[in-house]
């Protein structure tokens, strides 16, 4: 992905996760911790083994669909983190840094049992002609890189259309 594409994807005014200056994290494998620190930007990330020690009023980053830990203070904001729709080829056993992660304060996009931030955006965001044009421009910039997949580490055959 080139700089121009990544800049468009992070353009101000579009939905993006907002994290406080300090967050706590639980349920992340050891190799994902360094990536989470980068992904969290300027937020200081503290990994915890005992979520009950997360102070009231804090934010807890929770990996994927891990259950919300018991004994967590009731006013702790839980934000789920999971691999995003744009993935690097070679994730998993090769420990490759992901190109995107999803942060969701409602649920997580693949769990239909609870609402998610993605559902909320799709139900409430106005898809203006400018936004549709931006998406149309961005998709071909990302797909020919052959370093991304939507889920699997195999190169999808539909990419050959963009080659």
N, C-alpha and C. Protein backbone atom coordinates (compact mmCIF):
# COMPACT_ATOMS: atom_id res chain seq x y z
N UNK A 1 0.86 -1.17 0.00
CA UNK A 1 0.00 0.00 0.00
C UNK A 1 0.90 1.22 0.00
N UNK A 2 0.62 2.17 -0.87
CA UNK A 2 1.47 3.34 -0.94
C UNK A 2 1.01 4.40 0.07
N UNK A 3 1.85 5.43 0.25
CA UNK A 3 1.57 6.47 1.23
C UNK A 3 0.25 7.19 0.91
N UNK A 4 0.01 7.45 -0.36
CA UNK A 4 -1.21 8.16 -0.76
C UNK A 4 -2.45 7.37 -0.35
N UNK A 5 -2.44 6.06 -0.54
CA UNK A 5 -3.57 5.23 -0.16
C UNK A 5 -3.76 5.24 1.35
N UNK A 6 -2.68 5.05 2.10
CA UNK A 6 -2.82 5.00 3.55
C UNK A 6 -3.28 6.34 4.10
N UNK A 7 -2.86 7.44 3.50
CA UNK A 7 -3.32 8.76 3.93
C UNK A 7 -4.81 8.91 3.70
N UNK A 8 -5.30 8.46 2.56
CA UNK A 8 -6.74 8.55 2.29
C UNK A 8 -7.54 7.72 3.27
N UNK A 9 -7.01 6.58 3.65
CA UNK A 9 -7.75 5.71 4.54
C UNK A 9 -7.82 6.27 5.96
N UNK A 10 -6.93 7.21 6.32
CA UNK A 10 -6.93 7.80 7.65
C UNK A 10 -7.34 9.26 7.62
N UNK A 11 -8.04 9.66 6.58
CA UNK A 11 -8.40 11.05 6.40
C UNK A 11 -9.24 11.58 7.57
N UNK A 12 -8.94 12.80 8.05
CA UNK A 12 -9.73 13.37 9.16
C UNK A 12 -11.21 13.47 8.79
N UNK A 13 -12.04 13.34 9.81
CA UNK A 13 -13.48 13.46 9.59
C UNK A 13 -14.16 12.14 9.32
N UNK A 14 -13.40 11.07 9.18
CA UNK A 14 -13.97 9.76 8.95
C UNK A 14 -13.89 8.95 10.23
N UNK A 15 -14.80 7.99 10.44
CA UNK A 15 -14.80 7.22 11.68
C UNK A 15 -13.44 6.60 11.93
N UNK A 16 -12.93 6.80 13.12
CA UNK A 16 -11.64 6.24 13.52
C UNK A 16 -11.66 6.01 15.02
N UNK A 17 -10.94 5.02 15.50
CA UNK A 17 -10.93 4.76 16.94
C UNK A 17 -10.27 5.91 17.69
N UNK A 18 -10.80 6.23 18.83
CA UNK A 18 -10.22 7.25 19.70
C UNK A 18 -9.83 6.56 21.00
N UNK A 19 -8.56 6.64 21.34
CA UNK A 19 -8.08 6.02 22.57
C UNK A 19 -7.58 7.10 23.52
N UNK A 20 -7.76 6.87 24.81
CA UNK A 20 -7.20 7.81 25.78
C UNK A 20 -5.68 7.69 25.85
N UNK A 21 -5.06 8.52 26.62
CA UNK A 21 -3.59 8.53 26.74
C UNK A 21 -3.01 7.24 27.30
N UNK A 22 -3.79 6.53 28.11
CA UNK A 22 -3.33 5.26 28.68
C UNK A 22 -4.43 4.23 28.54
N UNK A 23 -4.08 3.06 28.03
CA UNK A 23 -5.03 1.95 27.90
C UNK A 23 -4.41 0.69 28.47
N UNK A 24 -5.26 -0.24 28.82
CA UNK A 24 -4.83 -1.55 29.30
C UNK A 24 -5.19 -2.56 28.22
N UNK A 25 -4.47 -3.68 28.16
CA UNK A 25 -4.71 -4.69 27.13
C UNK A 25 -4.68 -6.08 27.76
N UNK A 26 -5.57 -6.93 27.27
CA UNK A 26 -5.69 -8.29 27.80
C UNK A 26 -6.02 -9.24 26.65
N UNK A 27 -5.41 -10.43 26.70
CA UNK A 27 -5.75 -11.48 25.74
C UNK A 27 -4.92 -11.46 24.47
N UNK A 28 -3.85 -10.67 24.43
CA UNK A 28 -3.01 -10.59 23.23
C UNK A 28 -1.83 -11.54 23.36
N UNK A 29 -1.55 -12.27 22.28
CA UNK A 29 -0.38 -13.14 22.29
C UNK A 29 0.88 -12.29 22.38
N UNK A 30 1.96 -12.88 22.81
CA UNK A 30 3.20 -12.14 23.00
C UNK A 30 3.65 -11.43 21.74
N UNK A 31 3.57 -12.08 20.58
CA UNK A 31 4.06 -11.44 19.35
C UNK A 31 3.18 -10.28 18.89
N UNK A 32 1.92 -10.22 19.33
CA UNK A 32 1.04 -9.13 18.93
C UNK A 32 1.21 -7.88 19.79
N UNK A 33 1.87 -8.01 20.90
CA UNK A 33 1.99 -6.89 21.83
C UNK A 33 2.76 -5.72 21.21
N UNK A 34 3.84 -6.00 20.56
CA UNK A 34 4.63 -4.93 19.94
C UNK A 34 3.81 -4.24 18.85
N UNK A 35 3.04 -5.01 18.09
CA UNK A 35 2.21 -4.44 17.04
C UNK A 35 1.11 -3.56 17.64
N UNK A 36 0.53 -4.02 18.76
CA UNK A 36 -0.53 -3.25 19.40
C UNK A 36 0.01 -1.90 19.86
N UNK A 37 1.20 -1.88 20.41
CA UNK A 37 1.78 -0.61 20.85
C UNK A 37 1.90 0.37 19.68
N UNK A 38 2.31 -0.13 18.52
CA UNK A 38 2.41 0.73 17.33
C UNK A 38 1.03 1.18 16.87
N UNK A 39 0.11 0.26 16.88
CA UNK A 39 -1.26 0.54 16.41
C UNK A 39 -1.96 1.54 17.31
N UNK A 40 -1.65 1.53 18.60
CA UNK A 40 -2.31 2.40 19.56
C UNK A 40 -1.82 3.84 19.47
N UNK A 41 -0.85 4.09 18.62
CA UNK A 41 -0.38 5.46 18.41
C UNK A 41 0.25 6.05 19.65
N UNK A 42 -0.26 7.18 20.10
CA UNK A 42 0.33 7.88 21.23
C UNK A 42 -0.17 7.37 22.58
N UNK A 43 -1.10 6.43 22.57
CA UNK A 43 -1.61 5.87 23.83
C UNK A 43 -0.57 4.92 24.42
N UNK A 44 -0.34 5.06 25.71
CA UNK A 44 0.54 4.12 26.42
C UNK A 44 -0.26 2.85 26.69
N UNK A 45 0.28 1.71 26.30
CA UNK A 45 -0.42 0.43 26.46
C UNK A 45 0.23 -0.35 27.60
N UNK A 46 -0.58 -0.78 28.54
CA UNK A 46 -0.10 -1.61 29.64
C UNK A 46 -0.82 -2.95 29.57
N UNK A 47 -0.06 -4.02 29.37
CA UNK A 47 -0.64 -5.36 29.30
C UNK A 47 -0.85 -5.89 30.71
N UNK A 48 -2.01 -6.50 30.93
CA UNK A 48 -2.34 -7.00 32.26
C UNK A 48 -2.65 -8.49 32.19
N UNK A 49 -2.30 -9.18 33.26
CA UNK A 49 -2.65 -10.60 33.39
C UNK A 49 -3.91 -10.76 34.24
N UNK A 50 -4.14 -9.77 35.08
CA UNK A 50 -5.32 -9.79 35.95
C UNK A 50 -6.17 -8.56 35.65
N UNK A 51 -7.17 -8.73 34.81
CA UNK A 51 -8.01 -7.59 34.43
C UNK A 51 -8.72 -6.93 35.60
N UNK A 52 -8.88 -7.64 36.71
CA UNK A 52 -9.53 -7.04 37.88
C UNK A 52 -8.72 -5.85 38.40
N UNK A 53 -7.46 -5.76 38.03
CA UNK A 53 -6.60 -4.65 38.47
C UNK A 53 -6.70 -3.42 37.57
N UNK A 54 -7.49 -3.51 36.52
CA UNK A 54 -7.68 -2.36 35.63
C UNK A 54 -8.51 -1.32 36.39
N UNK A 55 -8.00 -0.12 36.55
CA UNK A 55 -8.72 0.89 37.33
C UNK A 55 -10.08 1.25 36.72
N UNK A 56 -11.01 1.57 37.59
CA UNK A 56 -12.33 2.03 37.14
C UNK A 56 -12.16 3.25 36.25
N UNK A 57 -13.00 3.33 35.21
CA UNK A 57 -12.95 4.46 34.29
C UNK A 57 -11.91 4.33 33.19
N UNK A 58 -11.17 3.24 33.17
CA UNK A 58 -10.12 3.03 32.17
C UNK A 58 -10.68 2.38 30.91
N UNK A 59 -9.81 2.21 29.93
CA UNK A 59 -10.15 1.51 28.69
C UNK A 59 -9.34 0.23 28.63
N UNK A 60 -10.02 -0.88 28.33
CA UNK A 60 -9.36 -2.18 28.20
C UNK A 60 -9.47 -2.63 26.75
N UNK A 61 -8.34 -2.85 26.10
CA UNK A 61 -8.32 -3.43 24.77
C UNK A 61 -8.34 -4.94 24.94
N UNK A 62 -9.29 -5.58 24.30
CA UNK A 62 -9.50 -7.02 24.45
C UNK A 62 -9.39 -7.68 23.09
N UNK A 63 -8.57 -8.72 22.97
CA UNK A 63 -8.36 -9.36 21.69
C UNK A 63 -9.59 -10.15 21.27
N UNK A 64 -10.06 -9.88 20.06
CA UNK A 64 -11.10 -10.66 19.39
C UNK A 64 -12.35 -10.88 20.19
N UNK A 65 -12.78 -12.12 20.22
CA UNK A 65 -14.03 -12.44 20.90
C UNK A 65 -13.81 -13.03 22.28
N UNK A 66 -12.64 -12.78 22.88
CA UNK A 66 -12.43 -13.20 24.26
C UNK A 66 -13.58 -12.68 25.10
N UNK A 67 -14.07 -13.49 26.05
CA UNK A 67 -15.14 -12.98 26.91
C UNK A 67 -14.62 -11.82 27.77
N UNK A 68 -15.52 -10.91 28.09
CA UNK A 68 -15.14 -9.82 28.99
C UNK A 68 -14.75 -10.46 30.32
N UNK A 69 -13.58 -10.12 30.82
CA UNK A 69 -13.09 -10.76 32.06
C UNK A 69 -14.02 -10.51 33.24
N UNK A 70 -14.13 -11.53 34.08
CA UNK A 70 -14.90 -11.39 35.31
C UNK A 70 -14.15 -10.45 36.24
N UNK A 71 -14.83 -9.86 37.15
CA UNK A 71 -14.30 -8.96 38.17
C UNK A 71 -13.76 -7.65 37.59
N UNK A 72 -14.07 -7.36 36.34
CA UNK A 72 -13.69 -6.10 35.73
C UNK A 72 -14.63 -5.02 36.26
N UNK A 73 -14.07 -3.88 36.64
CA UNK A 73 -14.93 -2.79 37.13
C UNK A 73 -15.99 -2.47 36.08
N UNK A 74 -17.20 -2.16 36.50
CA UNK A 74 -18.31 -1.97 35.57
C UNK A 74 -18.14 -0.81 34.62
N UNK A 75 -17.41 0.22 35.02
CA UNK A 75 -17.27 1.39 34.14
C UNK A 75 -15.99 1.37 33.31
N UNK A 76 -15.39 0.20 33.16
CA UNK A 76 -14.24 0.06 32.26
C UNK A 76 -14.78 -0.07 30.84
N UNK A 77 -14.29 0.78 29.95
CA UNK A 77 -14.70 0.73 28.54
C UNK A 77 -13.92 -0.40 27.87
N UNK A 78 -14.63 -1.35 27.27
CA UNK A 78 -14.00 -2.47 26.56
C UNK A 78 -14.02 -2.18 25.07
N UNK A 79 -12.84 -2.25 24.46
CA UNK A 79 -12.70 -2.07 23.02
C UNK A 79 -12.07 -3.34 22.48
N UNK A 80 -12.79 -4.02 21.61
CA UNK A 80 -12.27 -5.26 21.02
C UNK A 80 -11.35 -4.92 19.85
N UNK A 81 -10.28 -5.69 19.72
CA UNK A 81 -9.31 -5.50 18.65
C UNK A 81 -9.18 -6.83 17.92
N UNK A 82 -9.16 -6.77 16.60
CA UNK A 82 -9.08 -7.99 15.78
C UNK A 82 -8.43 -7.64 14.45
N UNK A 83 -7.91 -8.64 13.76
CA UNK A 83 -7.36 -8.42 12.43
C UNK A 83 -8.39 -7.73 11.57
N UNK A 84 -7.93 -6.74 10.80
CA UNK A 84 -8.82 -5.96 9.95
C UNK A 84 -9.07 -6.62 8.62
N UNK A 85 -9.81 -5.91 7.79
CA UNK A 85 -10.16 -6.44 6.48
C UNK A 85 -8.96 -6.45 5.54
N UNK A 86 -8.03 -5.52 5.71
CA UNK A 86 -6.80 -5.53 4.93
C UNK A 86 -5.75 -6.26 5.75
N UNK A 87 -5.32 -7.39 5.26
CA UNK A 87 -4.37 -8.20 6.02
C UNK A 87 -3.11 -8.41 5.21
N UNK A 88 -2.02 -8.54 5.90
CA UNK A 88 -0.76 -8.86 5.25
C UNK A 88 -0.73 -10.35 4.96
N UNK A 89 -0.17 -10.72 3.83
CA UNK A 89 0.04 -12.13 3.55
C UNK A 89 1.08 -12.64 4.53
N UNK A 90 0.82 -13.78 5.14
CA UNK A 90 1.80 -14.37 6.04
C UNK A 90 1.50 -14.16 7.51
N UNK A 91 0.30 -13.76 7.87
CA UNK A 91 -0.03 -13.63 9.29
C UNK A 91 -0.05 -15.00 9.94
N UNK A 92 -0.26 -15.02 11.23
CA UNK A 92 -0.36 -16.29 11.94
C UNK A 92 1.00 -16.84 12.30
N UNK A 93 1.31 -18.00 11.77
CA UNK A 93 2.54 -18.66 12.17
C UNK A 93 3.79 -17.90 11.74
N UNK A 94 3.69 -17.04 10.71
CA UNK A 94 4.86 -16.28 10.27
C UNK A 94 5.05 -14.99 11.06
N UNK A 95 4.12 -14.66 11.93
CA UNK A 95 4.21 -13.51 12.83
C UNK A 95 4.44 -12.18 12.10
N UNK A 96 3.79 -12.02 10.96
CA UNK A 96 3.91 -10.81 10.16
C UNK A 96 3.03 -9.72 10.77
N UNK A 97 3.53 -8.49 10.78
CA UNK A 97 2.74 -7.38 11.29
C UNK A 97 1.53 -7.15 10.40
N UNK A 98 0.33 -7.06 10.99
CA UNK A 98 -0.86 -6.80 10.18
C UNK A 98 -0.85 -5.38 9.64
N UNK A 99 -1.48 -5.19 8.49
CA UNK A 99 -1.62 -3.85 7.93
C UNK A 99 -2.80 -3.11 8.53
N UNK A 100 -3.75 -3.85 9.07
CA UNK A 100 -4.90 -3.18 9.69
C UNK A 100 -5.45 -4.03 10.82
N UNK A 101 -5.97 -3.34 11.80
CA UNK A 101 -6.72 -3.97 12.88
C UNK A 101 -8.03 -3.21 13.01
N UNK A 102 -9.05 -3.91 13.46
CA UNK A 102 -10.34 -3.30 13.73
C UNK A 102 -10.41 -3.06 15.23
N UNK A 103 -10.89 -1.88 15.60
CA UNK A 103 -11.17 -1.57 17.00
C UNK A 103 -12.66 -1.33 17.10
N UNK A 104 -13.32 -2.01 18.02
CA UNK A 104 -14.78 -1.95 18.09
C UNK A 104 -15.23 -1.82 19.53
N UNK A 105 -15.91 -0.73 19.84
CA UNK A 105 -16.39 -0.49 21.19
C UNK A 105 -17.76 -1.08 21.47
N UNK A 106 -18.42 -1.66 20.46
CA UNK A 106 -19.75 -2.25 20.64
C UNK A 106 -19.71 -3.77 20.68
N UNK A 107 -18.98 -4.37 19.81
CA UNK A 107 -18.90 -5.82 19.67
C UNK A 107 -17.72 -6.12 18.78
N UNK A 108 -17.91 -7.01 17.81
CA UNK A 108 -16.87 -7.26 16.81
C UNK A 108 -17.59 -7.68 15.54
N UNK A 109 -17.08 -7.25 14.41
CA UNK A 109 -17.81 -7.36 13.14
C UNK A 109 -18.27 -8.76 12.76
N UNK A 110 -17.59 -9.80 13.18
CA UNK A 110 -17.95 -11.15 12.76
C UNK A 110 -18.89 -11.86 13.73
N UNK A 111 -19.28 -11.21 14.81
CA UNK A 111 -20.17 -11.82 15.79
C UNK A 111 -21.56 -11.22 15.65
N UNK A 112 -22.46 -11.93 15.00
CA UNK A 112 -23.81 -11.43 14.72
C UNK A 112 -24.70 -11.39 15.97
N UNK A 113 -24.23 -11.92 17.08
CA UNK A 113 -25.06 -11.93 18.30
C UNK A 113 -25.17 -10.56 18.95
N UNK A 114 -24.19 -9.68 18.68
CA UNK A 114 -24.20 -8.34 19.29
C UNK A 114 -23.93 -7.30 18.22
N UNK A 115 -24.46 -6.09 18.39
CA UNK A 115 -24.17 -5.04 17.41
C UNK A 115 -22.67 -4.71 17.39
N UNK A 116 -22.21 -4.17 16.28
CA UNK A 116 -20.81 -3.78 16.15
C UNK A 116 -20.72 -2.35 15.63
N UNK A 117 -19.55 -1.76 15.77
CA UNK A 117 -19.32 -0.43 15.22
C UNK A 117 -19.50 -0.43 13.71
N UNK A 118 -19.08 -1.51 13.05
CA UNK A 118 -19.24 -1.59 11.60
C UNK A 118 -20.72 -1.53 11.22
N UNK A 119 -21.56 -2.30 11.92
CA UNK A 119 -23.00 -2.24 11.65
C UNK A 119 -23.53 -0.83 11.84
N UNK A 120 -23.11 -0.19 12.91
CA UNK A 120 -23.57 1.17 13.19
C UNK A 120 -23.18 2.13 12.07
N UNK A 121 -21.94 2.04 11.61
CA UNK A 121 -21.49 2.91 10.52
C UNK A 121 -22.30 2.64 9.26
N UNK A 122 -22.49 1.37 8.93
CA UNK A 122 -23.24 1.03 7.71
C UNK A 122 -24.70 1.47 7.78
N UNK A 123 -25.27 1.49 8.97
CA UNK A 123 -26.66 1.89 9.13
C UNK A 123 -26.85 3.40 9.23
N UNK A 124 -25.81 4.13 9.63
CA UNK A 124 -25.99 5.55 9.90
C UNK A 124 -25.17 6.49 9.02
N UNK A 125 -24.10 6.02 8.43
CA UNK A 125 -23.24 6.90 7.63
C UNK A 125 -23.90 7.23 6.30
N UNK A 126 -23.84 8.47 5.91
CA UNK A 126 -24.35 8.87 4.60
C UNK A 126 -23.27 8.61 3.57
N UNK A 127 -23.56 7.76 2.63
CA UNK A 127 -22.61 7.43 1.58
C UNK A 127 -22.75 8.47 0.47
N UNK A 128 -22.06 9.56 0.66
CA UNK A 128 -22.12 10.67 -0.29
C UNK A 128 -21.41 10.29 -1.58
N UNK A 129 -21.69 10.98 -2.66
CA UNK A 129 -20.96 10.72 -3.91
C UNK A 129 -19.44 10.86 -3.73
N UNK A 130 -19.01 11.79 -2.88
CA UNK A 130 -17.58 11.97 -2.64
C UNK A 130 -16.97 10.75 -1.94
N UNK A 131 -17.70 10.19 -0.97
CA UNK A 131 -17.20 9.02 -0.26
C UNK A 131 -17.15 7.80 -1.19
N UNK A 132 -18.16 7.63 -2.01
CA UNK A 132 -18.18 6.53 -2.97
C UNK A 132 -17.03 6.68 -3.97
N UNK A 133 -16.79 7.90 -4.44
CA UNK A 133 -15.68 8.15 -5.37
C UNK A 133 -14.34 7.84 -4.70
N UNK A 134 -14.21 8.21 -3.44
CA UNK A 134 -12.97 7.94 -2.70
C UNK A 134 -12.74 6.43 -2.58
N UNK A 135 -13.80 5.68 -2.26
CA UNK A 135 -13.69 4.23 -2.16
C UNK A 135 -13.35 3.61 -3.51
N UNK A 136 -13.96 4.12 -4.56
CA UNK A 136 -13.68 3.60 -5.91
C UNK A 136 -12.23 3.84 -6.31
N UNK A 137 -11.68 4.95 -5.87
CA UNK A 137 -10.28 5.25 -6.19
C UNK A 137 -9.34 4.39 -5.35
N UNK A 138 -9.69 4.16 -4.11
CA UNK A 138 -8.80 3.47 -3.18
C UNK A 138 -8.67 1.97 -3.48
N UNK A 139 -9.76 1.31 -3.83
CA UNK A 139 -9.73 -0.15 -4.02
C UNK A 139 -8.69 -0.62 -5.02
N UNK A 140 -8.60 -0.06 -6.22
CA UNK A 140 -7.58 -0.52 -7.15
C UNK A 140 -6.15 -0.21 -6.69
N UNK A 141 -5.99 0.78 -5.83
CA UNK A 141 -4.64 1.10 -5.32
C UNK A 141 -4.16 0.03 -4.34
N UNK A 142 -5.07 -0.59 -3.63
CA UNK A 142 -4.71 -1.58 -2.62
C UNK A 142 -4.56 -2.96 -3.25
N UNK A 143 -5.45 -3.36 -4.12
CA UNK A 143 -5.52 -4.74 -4.59
C UNK A 143 -4.33 -5.22 -5.40
N UNK A 144 -3.71 -4.43 -6.25
CA UNK A 144 -2.61 -4.99 -7.05
C UNK A 144 -1.33 -5.23 -6.28
N UNK A 145 -1.26 -4.87 -5.02
CA UNK A 145 0.00 -5.02 -4.29
C UNK A 145 0.40 -6.48 -4.11
N UNK A 146 -0.55 -7.37 -4.14
CA UNK A 146 -0.32 -8.80 -3.95
C UNK A 146 0.35 -9.11 -2.60
N UNK A 147 0.25 -8.19 -1.68
CA UNK A 147 0.74 -8.44 -0.33
C UNK A 147 -0.40 -8.40 0.67
N UNK A 148 -1.61 -8.34 0.18
CA UNK A 148 -2.78 -8.27 1.04
C UNK A 148 -3.74 -9.39 0.72
N UNK A 149 -4.46 -9.83 1.73
CA UNK A 149 -5.57 -10.75 1.50
C UNK A 149 -6.73 -10.25 2.35
N UNK A 150 -7.91 -10.77 2.08
CA UNK A 150 -9.05 -10.41 2.91
C UNK A 150 -9.15 -11.32 4.12
N UNK A 151 -8.59 -12.51 4.05
CA UNK A 151 -8.64 -13.38 5.22
C UNK A 151 -7.57 -14.47 5.19
N UNK A 152 -7.34 -15.08 4.07
CA UNK A 152 -6.44 -16.22 4.01
C UNK A 152 -5.06 -15.80 3.53
N UNK A 153 -4.07 -16.63 3.72
CA UNK A 153 -2.72 -16.28 3.28
C UNK A 153 -2.49 -16.65 1.81
N UNK A 154 -3.49 -17.23 1.15
CA UNK A 154 -3.36 -17.53 -0.27
C UNK A 154 -3.76 -16.32 -1.09
N UNK A 155 -3.14 -16.09 -2.22
CA UNK A 155 -3.51 -14.99 -3.09
C UNK A 155 -4.84 -15.33 -3.76
N UNK A 156 -5.87 -14.52 -3.55
CA UNK A 156 -7.17 -14.82 -4.16
C UNK A 156 -7.13 -14.68 -5.68
N UNK A 157 -7.86 -15.54 -6.36
CA UNK A 157 -7.85 -15.51 -7.82
C UNK A 157 -8.46 -14.23 -8.37
N UNK A 158 -9.37 -13.59 -7.63
CA UNK A 158 -9.98 -12.38 -8.16
C UNK A 158 -8.98 -11.25 -8.29
N UNK A 159 -7.82 -11.33 -7.63
CA UNK A 159 -6.80 -10.29 -7.78
C UNK A 159 -6.21 -10.27 -9.18
N UNK A 160 -6.26 -11.39 -9.85
CA UNK A 160 -5.67 -11.44 -11.18
C UNK A 160 -6.35 -10.46 -12.13
N UNK A 161 -7.59 -10.09 -11.84
CA UNK A 161 -8.32 -9.12 -12.64
C UNK A 161 -7.61 -7.76 -12.60
N UNK A 162 -6.99 -7.44 -11.45
CA UNK A 162 -6.36 -6.15 -11.26
C UNK A 162 -4.89 -6.15 -11.65
N UNK A 163 -4.35 -7.29 -12.03
CA UNK A 163 -2.91 -7.38 -12.31
C UNK A 163 -2.54 -6.67 -13.60
